[in-house]
Structures are given as structure tokens and as C-alpha cells.
N, C-alpha and C. Protein backbone atom coordinates (compact mmCIF):
# COMPACT_ATOMS: atom_id res chain seq x y z
N MET A 1 0.58 14.72 5.82
CA MET A 1 0.95 14.64 4.59
C MET A 1 -0.70 14.45 3.65
N SER A 2 -0.18 14.98 2.51
CA SER A 2 -1.93 15.32 1.51
C SER A 2 -1.44 13.91 1.41
N SER A 3 -2.66 13.33 0.33
CA SER A 3 -3.17 11.99 -0.55
C SER A 3 -1.93 11.76 -1.90
N ARG A 4 -1.96 12.95 -2.11
CA ARG A 4 -0.92 12.93 -3.12
C ARG A 4 0.37 12.63 -2.79
N ASP A 5 1.13 13.37 -1.76
CA ASP A 5 2.29 13.14 -1.51
C ASP A 5 1.77 11.68 -0.78
N GLU A 6 1.25 10.71 -0.14
CA GLU A 6 1.05 9.65 0.55
C GLU A 6 1.65 8.60 -0.82
N LEU A 7 0.58 8.85 -2.03
CA LEU A 7 1.12 8.23 -3.02
C LEU A 7 2.42 8.39 -4.26
N ILE A 8 3.04 9.80 -3.96
CA ILE A 8 4.00 9.81 -4.61
C ILE A 8 5.21 8.74 -3.72
N GLU A 9 5.17 8.75 -2.33
CA GLU A 9 5.80 8.07 -1.65
C GLU A 9 5.71 6.54 -1.97
N LYS A 10 4.27 5.97 -1.77
CA LYS A 10 4.07 4.90 -2.31
C LYS A 10 4.87 4.48 -3.55
N TYR A 11 4.60 5.53 -4.39
CA TYR A 11 5.67 4.63 -6.07
C TYR A 11 6.98 4.97 -5.96
N ALA A 12 7.30 6.12 -5.36
CA ALA A 12 8.73 5.90 -5.14
C ALA A 12 9.29 4.57 -4.57
N GLU A 13 8.86 4.15 -3.32
CA GLU A 13 8.85 2.81 -2.93
C GLU A 13 9.04 1.78 -3.73
N GLU A 14 7.94 1.78 -4.86
CA GLU A 14 7.59 0.73 -6.02
C GLU A 14 8.71 0.74 -6.45
N ILE A 15 9.55 1.84 -7.25
CA ILE A 15 10.58 2.47 -8.23
C ILE A 15 11.55 1.58 -7.31
N GLN A 16 11.62 2.01 -6.08
CA GLN A 16 13.31 1.63 -5.49
C GLN A 16 12.84 -0.16 -5.30
N GLU A 17 12.00 -0.75 -4.51
CA GLU A 17 12.07 -2.05 -4.24
C GLU A 17 11.62 -3.02 -6.07
N LYS A 18 10.73 -2.71 -6.40
CA LYS A 18 10.79 -3.77 -7.51
C LYS A 18 11.92 -3.22 -8.57
N CYS A 19 11.97 -2.11 -8.63
CA CYS A 19 12.73 -1.98 -9.57
C CYS A 19 14.32 -1.63 -9.85
N GLY A 20 14.69 -1.19 -8.19
CA GLY A 20 16.06 -1.08 -7.83
C GLY A 20 17.35 -0.41 -8.17
N GLU A 21 15.69 1.00 -8.58
CA GLU A 21 16.88 2.72 -8.75
C GLU A 21 16.05 3.29 -7.45
N THR A 22 17.11 4.29 -7.59
CA THR A 22 16.35 5.86 -6.49
C THR A 22 16.25 6.58 -7.27
N PRO A 23 14.32 6.65 -6.72
CA PRO A 23 13.31 7.57 -7.96
C PRO A 23 13.75 8.94 -7.55
N ASP A 24 14.05 9.48 -8.85
CA ASP A 24 13.94 11.27 -8.88
C ASP A 24 12.30 11.56 -7.99
N ARG A 25 12.40 12.32 -7.30
CA ARG A 25 10.76 12.45 -6.53
C ARG A 25 10.50 13.62 -6.55
N ASP A 26 11.36 14.42 -7.65
CA ASP A 26 10.57 15.80 -8.30
C ASP A 26 9.87 15.47 -9.53
N LEU A 27 10.75 14.89 -9.98
CA LEU A 27 10.01 14.26 -11.76
C LEU A 27 8.67 13.07 -11.51
N LEU A 28 8.90 12.27 -9.95
CA LEU A 28 7.81 11.33 -9.92
C LEU A 28 6.66 11.94 -9.47
N GLY A 29 6.75 13.31 -8.45
CA GLY A 29 5.85 14.05 -8.09
C GLY A 29 4.64 14.88 -9.26
N ARG A 30 5.70 15.26 -10.45
CA ARG A 30 5.44 15.79 -11.57
C ARG A 30 4.50 14.79 -12.94
N VAL A 31 4.81 13.62 -12.95
CA VAL A 31 4.18 12.49 -13.45
C VAL A 31 3.04 12.19 -13.06
N VAL A 32 3.04 12.14 -11.76
CA VAL A 32 1.75 12.10 -10.82
C VAL A 32 0.66 12.96 -10.69
N VAL A 33 1.04 14.40 -10.91
CA VAL A 33 0.69 15.75 -10.68
C VAL A 33 -0.45 15.83 -12.83
N GLY A 34 0.68 15.05 -13.43
CA GLY A 34 0.26 15.12 -14.70
C GLY A 34 -1.10 13.76 -15.44
N LEU A 35 -0.47 13.40 -14.30
CA LEU A 35 -2.12 11.87 -14.39
C LEU A 35 -3.20 12.60 -13.78
N GLY A 36 -3.54 13.32 -13.12
CA GLY A 36 -4.51 14.06 -12.85
C GLY A 36 -5.23 13.29 -11.90
N PRO A 37 -6.41 12.89 -11.84
CA PRO A 37 -7.65 12.45 -10.82
C PRO A 37 -7.32 10.87 -11.16
N ALA A 38 -6.54 10.23 -12.14
CA ALA A 38 -6.40 9.00 -12.87
C ALA A 38 -5.69 8.01 -11.47
N VAL A 39 -4.97 9.09 -10.55
CA VAL A 39 -3.91 8.48 -9.69
C VAL A 39 -4.27 7.94 -8.57
N TYR A 40 -5.79 8.23 -8.52
CA TYR A 40 -7.03 8.31 -7.45
C TYR A 40 -8.00 7.15 -7.46
N ASN A 41 -7.95 6.58 -8.99
CA ASN A 41 -9.19 5.77 -9.37
C ASN A 41 -8.20 4.34 -9.26
N ALA A 42 -9.03 3.48 -8.41
CA ALA A 42 -8.42 2.40 -7.98
C ALA A 42 -8.19 1.20 -10.33
N ASP A 43 -8.99 1.39 -10.62
CA ASP A 43 -8.64 1.00 -11.58
C ASP A 43 -7.82 1.64 -12.85
N ALA A 44 -8.15 2.97 -13.33
CA ALA A 44 -7.41 3.63 -13.77
C ALA A 44 -5.76 3.50 -13.60
N SER A 45 -5.56 3.77 -12.23
CA SER A 45 -3.98 3.88 -11.42
C SER A 45 -3.35 2.67 -12.05
N ILE A 46 -3.81 1.64 -12.34
CA ILE A 46 -3.03 0.51 -13.04
C ILE A 46 -2.91 0.20 -14.57
N VAL A 47 -2.01 -0.21 -14.57
CA VAL A 47 -1.47 -0.51 -16.22
C VAL A 47 -1.82 -2.13 -16.08
N ALA A 48 -2.79 -2.35 -17.50
CA ALA A 48 -2.98 -4.05 -17.19
C ALA A 48 -1.51 -4.15 -18.68
N ALA A 49 -0.57 -4.66 -18.06
CA ALA A 49 0.59 -5.12 -19.21
C ALA A 49 0.10 -6.08 -20.49
N SER A 50 -1.05 -6.70 -20.18
CA SER A 50 -1.40 -7.81 -21.21
C SER A 50 -2.53 -8.03 -22.11
N ASP A 51 -2.88 -6.15 -21.67
CA ASP A 51 -3.99 -5.59 -22.74
C ASP A 51 -3.10 -4.91 -23.84
N GLU A 52 -3.61 -5.46 -25.32
CA GLU A 52 -2.85 -5.00 -26.19
C GLU A 52 -3.50 -3.04 -26.50
N SER A 53 -4.93 -3.38 -26.30
CA SER A 53 -5.57 -2.12 -26.60
C SER A 53 -5.11 -0.99 -25.37
N GLU A 54 -4.89 -2.01 -24.15
CA GLU A 54 -4.07 -0.42 -22.79
C GLU A 54 -2.70 -0.13 -23.89
N LEU A 55 -1.52 -1.41 -24.15
CA LEU A 55 -0.54 -0.74 -24.54
C LEU A 55 -0.46 0.03 -25.48
N GLU A 56 -1.70 0.42 -26.81
CA GLU A 56 -1.78 0.78 -27.85
C GLU A 56 -2.07 2.67 -27.11
N SER A 57 -2.97 2.12 -26.13
CA SER A 57 -3.42 3.74 -25.86
C SER A 57 -2.08 4.21 -24.99
N ILE A 58 -1.03 3.46 -23.90
CA ILE A 58 -0.02 4.21 -23.51
C ILE A 58 0.82 4.71 -25.13
N LYS A 59 1.01 3.77 -25.56
CA LYS A 59 1.87 4.39 -27.03
C LYS A 59 1.60 5.72 -27.82
N LYS A 60 0.08 5.87 -28.00
CA LYS A 60 -0.64 6.52 -28.33
C LYS A 60 -0.15 8.04 -27.56
N ASN A 61 -1.57 7.63 -26.49
CA ASN A 61 -1.72 8.86 -25.56
C ASN A 61 -0.36 9.57 -24.83
N PHE A 62 0.62 8.78 -24.58
CA PHE A 62 1.83 9.20 -23.86
C PHE A 62 3.16 9.26 -24.01
N LEU A 63 3.20 8.48 -24.82
CA LEU A 63 4.92 8.38 -25.78
C LEU A 63 4.68 9.28 -26.78
N VAL A 64 3.74 9.26 -27.85
CA VAL A 64 3.79 9.80 -29.03
C VAL A 64 3.08 11.08 -28.23
N LYS A 65 2.05 11.04 -27.62
CA LYS A 65 1.38 12.98 -27.76
C LYS A 65 2.16 13.24 -26.49
N LYS A 66 2.58 12.95 -25.51
CA LYS A 66 3.05 13.83 -24.25
C LYS A 66 4.21 13.80 -24.34
N LEU A 67 5.08 12.89 -24.69
CA LEU A 67 6.47 12.63 -24.90
C LEU A 67 6.84 13.38 -26.70
N GLY A 68 6.35 13.28 -27.02
CA GLY A 68 6.28 13.64 -28.81
C GLY A 68 7.53 12.87 -28.97
N LEU A 69 7.27 11.21 -29.32
CA LEU A 69 8.00 10.27 -29.76
C LEU A 69 7.73 9.47 -30.78
N THR A 70 8.34 9.28 -31.87
CA THR A 70 7.09 8.95 -33.09
C THR A 70 7.12 7.44 -32.67
N ASP A 71 6.26 7.18 -33.14
CA ASP A 71 5.75 5.68 -33.29
C ASP A 71 6.87 4.58 -34.04
N GLY A 72 6.88 3.42 -33.78
CA GLY A 72 7.87 2.30 -34.04
C GLY A 72 8.10 1.51 -32.76
N PRO A 73 8.71 0.59 -33.40
CA PRO A 73 8.87 -0.74 -32.86
C PRO A 73 9.64 -0.33 -31.60
N ASP A 74 10.73 1.01 -31.76
CA ASP A 74 11.28 1.32 -30.28
C ASP A 74 10.67 1.72 -29.06
N LEU A 75 9.52 1.91 -29.36
CA LEU A 75 8.36 2.44 -28.30
C LEU A 75 7.88 0.84 -27.63
N ASP A 76 7.34 -0.48 -28.80
CA ASP A 76 7.31 -1.10 -27.96
C ASP A 76 8.02 -2.26 -27.03
N ALA A 77 9.46 -1.69 -27.25
CA ALA A 77 10.51 -3.03 -27.03
C ALA A 77 10.91 -1.91 -25.45
N ALA A 78 10.69 -0.54 -25.80
CA ALA A 78 11.15 -0.11 -24.24
C ALA A 78 9.72 -0.34 -23.11
N LEU A 79 8.65 -0.53 -24.03
CA LEU A 79 7.49 -0.66 -23.03
C LEU A 79 7.52 -2.44 -22.30
N ASP A 80 8.29 -3.51 -23.19
CA ASP A 80 9.05 -4.50 -22.67
C ASP A 80 9.82 -4.32 -22.07
N LYS A 81 10.94 -3.84 -21.82
CA LYS A 81 11.98 -3.21 -21.10
C LYS A 81 11.35 -3.04 -19.70
N VAL A 82 10.35 -1.54 -19.46
CA VAL A 82 9.61 -1.29 -18.65
C VAL A 82 9.43 -2.22 -18.04
N PHE A 83 8.34 -3.07 -18.13
CA PHE A 83 7.45 -4.59 -17.60
C PHE A 83 8.33 -5.35 -17.38
N GLU A 84 9.33 -5.79 -18.02
CA GLU A 84 10.88 -6.53 -17.17
C GLU A 84 11.32 -5.84 -16.25
N GLN A 85 11.50 -4.49 -16.36
CA GLN A 85 12.19 -4.19 -15.12
C GLN A 85 11.40 -4.15 -13.61
N TYR A 86 9.98 -3.73 -14.08
CA TYR A 86 8.91 -3.45 -12.66
C TYR A 86 9.06 -4.90 -12.50
N GLY A 87 8.87 -5.62 -13.47
CA GLY A 87 8.33 -7.46 -12.95
C GLY A 87 7.50 -7.63 -13.15
N ARG A 88 7.13 -8.56 -14.53
CA ARG A 88 5.99 -9.24 -15.35
C ARG A 88 4.93 -9.97 -14.26
N SER A 89 5.74 -10.70 -12.94
CA SER A 89 5.06 -11.13 -12.70
C SER A 89 3.85 -10.39 -11.85
N ASN A 90 4.34 -9.26 -10.98
CA ASN A 90 4.01 -8.20 -10.61
C ASN A 90 2.40 -7.63 -11.25
N ARG A 91 1.30 -8.05 -10.44
CA ARG A 91 0.30 -7.79 -11.09
C ARG A 91 -0.47 -6.60 -10.85
N HIS A 92 0.00 -6.12 -10.34
CA HIS A 92 -0.16 -4.25 -10.24
C HIS A 92 1.10 -3.56 -10.23
N LYS A 93 0.48 -3.05 -11.58
CA LYS A 93 1.76 -2.15 -11.97
C LYS A 93 1.20 -0.83 -12.26
N TYR A 94 1.72 0.02 -11.22
CA TYR A 94 1.27 1.49 -11.37
C TYR A 94 1.48 2.33 -12.44
N ARG A 95 0.46 2.86 -12.88
CA ARG A 95 0.61 3.86 -14.03
C ARG A 95 1.90 4.70 -13.91
N ALA A 96 1.75 5.60 -12.51
CA ALA A 96 3.05 6.51 -12.90
C ALA A 96 4.23 6.29 -12.14
N VAL A 97 4.34 5.26 -12.34
CA VAL A 97 5.76 4.38 -11.91
C VAL A 97 5.80 3.93 -13.37
N VAL A 98 5.20 3.54 -14.44
CA VAL A 98 5.41 3.26 -15.61
C VAL A 98 5.64 4.21 -16.19
N TYR A 99 4.45 5.46 -16.46
CA TYR A 99 5.27 6.58 -16.81
C TYR A 99 6.31 7.36 -16.38
N TYR A 100 6.53 6.85 -15.46
CA TYR A 100 8.06 7.43 -14.59
C TYR A 100 9.37 7.16 -15.53
N LEU A 101 9.49 5.45 -15.25
CA LEU A 101 10.31 4.72 -16.33
C LEU A 101 10.40 4.91 -17.79
N LEU A 102 9.11 4.97 -18.11
CA LEU A 102 9.10 5.58 -19.14
C LEU A 102 9.51 6.54 -20.15
N THR A 103 9.51 7.89 -19.11
CA THR A 103 9.72 8.90 -19.33
C THR A 103 11.24 8.91 -19.25
N ARG A 104 11.84 8.44 -18.23
CA ARG A 104 13.38 8.04 -18.00
C ARG A 104 14.04 7.54 -18.96
N HIS A 105 13.55 6.43 -18.84
CA HIS A 105 13.78 5.43 -20.54
C HIS A 105 14.82 6.29 -21.77
N PHE A 106 13.74 7.34 -22.22
CA PHE A 106 13.75 7.80 -23.11
C PHE A 106 14.50 9.54 -22.88
N GLY A 107 14.77 9.49 -21.46
CA GLY A 107 15.51 11.08 -21.27
C GLY A 107 14.66 12.05 -21.78
N ARG A 108 13.01 11.51 -21.76
CA ARG A 108 12.29 13.19 -21.76
C ARG A 108 11.79 13.49 -20.64
N GLU A 109 12.64 13.61 -19.79
CA GLU A 109 12.24 14.36 -18.38
C GLU A 109 11.56 15.79 -18.77
N ALA A 110 12.26 16.49 -19.93
CA ALA A 110 11.57 18.18 -20.22
C ALA A 110 10.47 18.17 -20.65
N ALA A 111 9.56 17.05 -20.88
CA ALA A 111 8.13 16.82 -20.95
C ALA A 111 7.50 17.43 -20.08
N TYR A 112 8.19 16.90 -18.66
CA TYR A 112 7.34 17.42 -17.60
C TYR A 112 7.92 18.74 -16.73
N ALA A 113 8.98 19.68 -17.43
CA ALA A 113 9.70 20.83 -17.10
C ALA A 113 8.27 21.73 -16.37
């Protein structure tokens, strides 16, 4: 099993255990590939949910640019919902899992087609 496959498996377990969802492994794999080398970097692979600049970066670079959404209060609400679903007390929120959950929340799976 490649290291990417191992990461996908780890993220799938996170989604199942912490979010209570059965993950779409194909979509999750495409999200991981889309993140590129960031998934292998310990710092870049984690989202700092309490850091406002991190949240702005997710909104601008992922939600607006990648998913094609319009910036507005619904993006903040979606981030809150995803962090609540993932567990606010969970200190290690994997970027791939957060991006996967946001992609599913907005129904933008086609962005990874």
C-alpha cells in the first residue's frame, strides 16, 4: 500500500469515526490528490480551526477558487457546521477531511471530476 493510500485510509477512518459518515473513498482520494504534497507535511496537513487567517485562506483558496462559490456568510456557516461535525475539541483536524466535508456540504463533487 502506498503512503497516499495509507493516508486515504486514515482520513476515511476519521470521517467514519469522528463524523459518523461512510466516506466516498473515490471523492476522498481525489481530494487528497488535489492537495498534493500538503498531505505529507505535518503542519500543512492540519487545519487550525481557531486561526482566522487560516479560515480566510480556506474560504478564498478552496471554497471560492476551487469549488467556485461566492464569498458570503454561508461560507462561514458551512465552516462552523463542518468543524462542529468533525468535533471542535478535536485538535487535529485533517485538511483533507475538512475539504472533503466542505465539498460534500456544498454538493460540489464535480469540482474533482
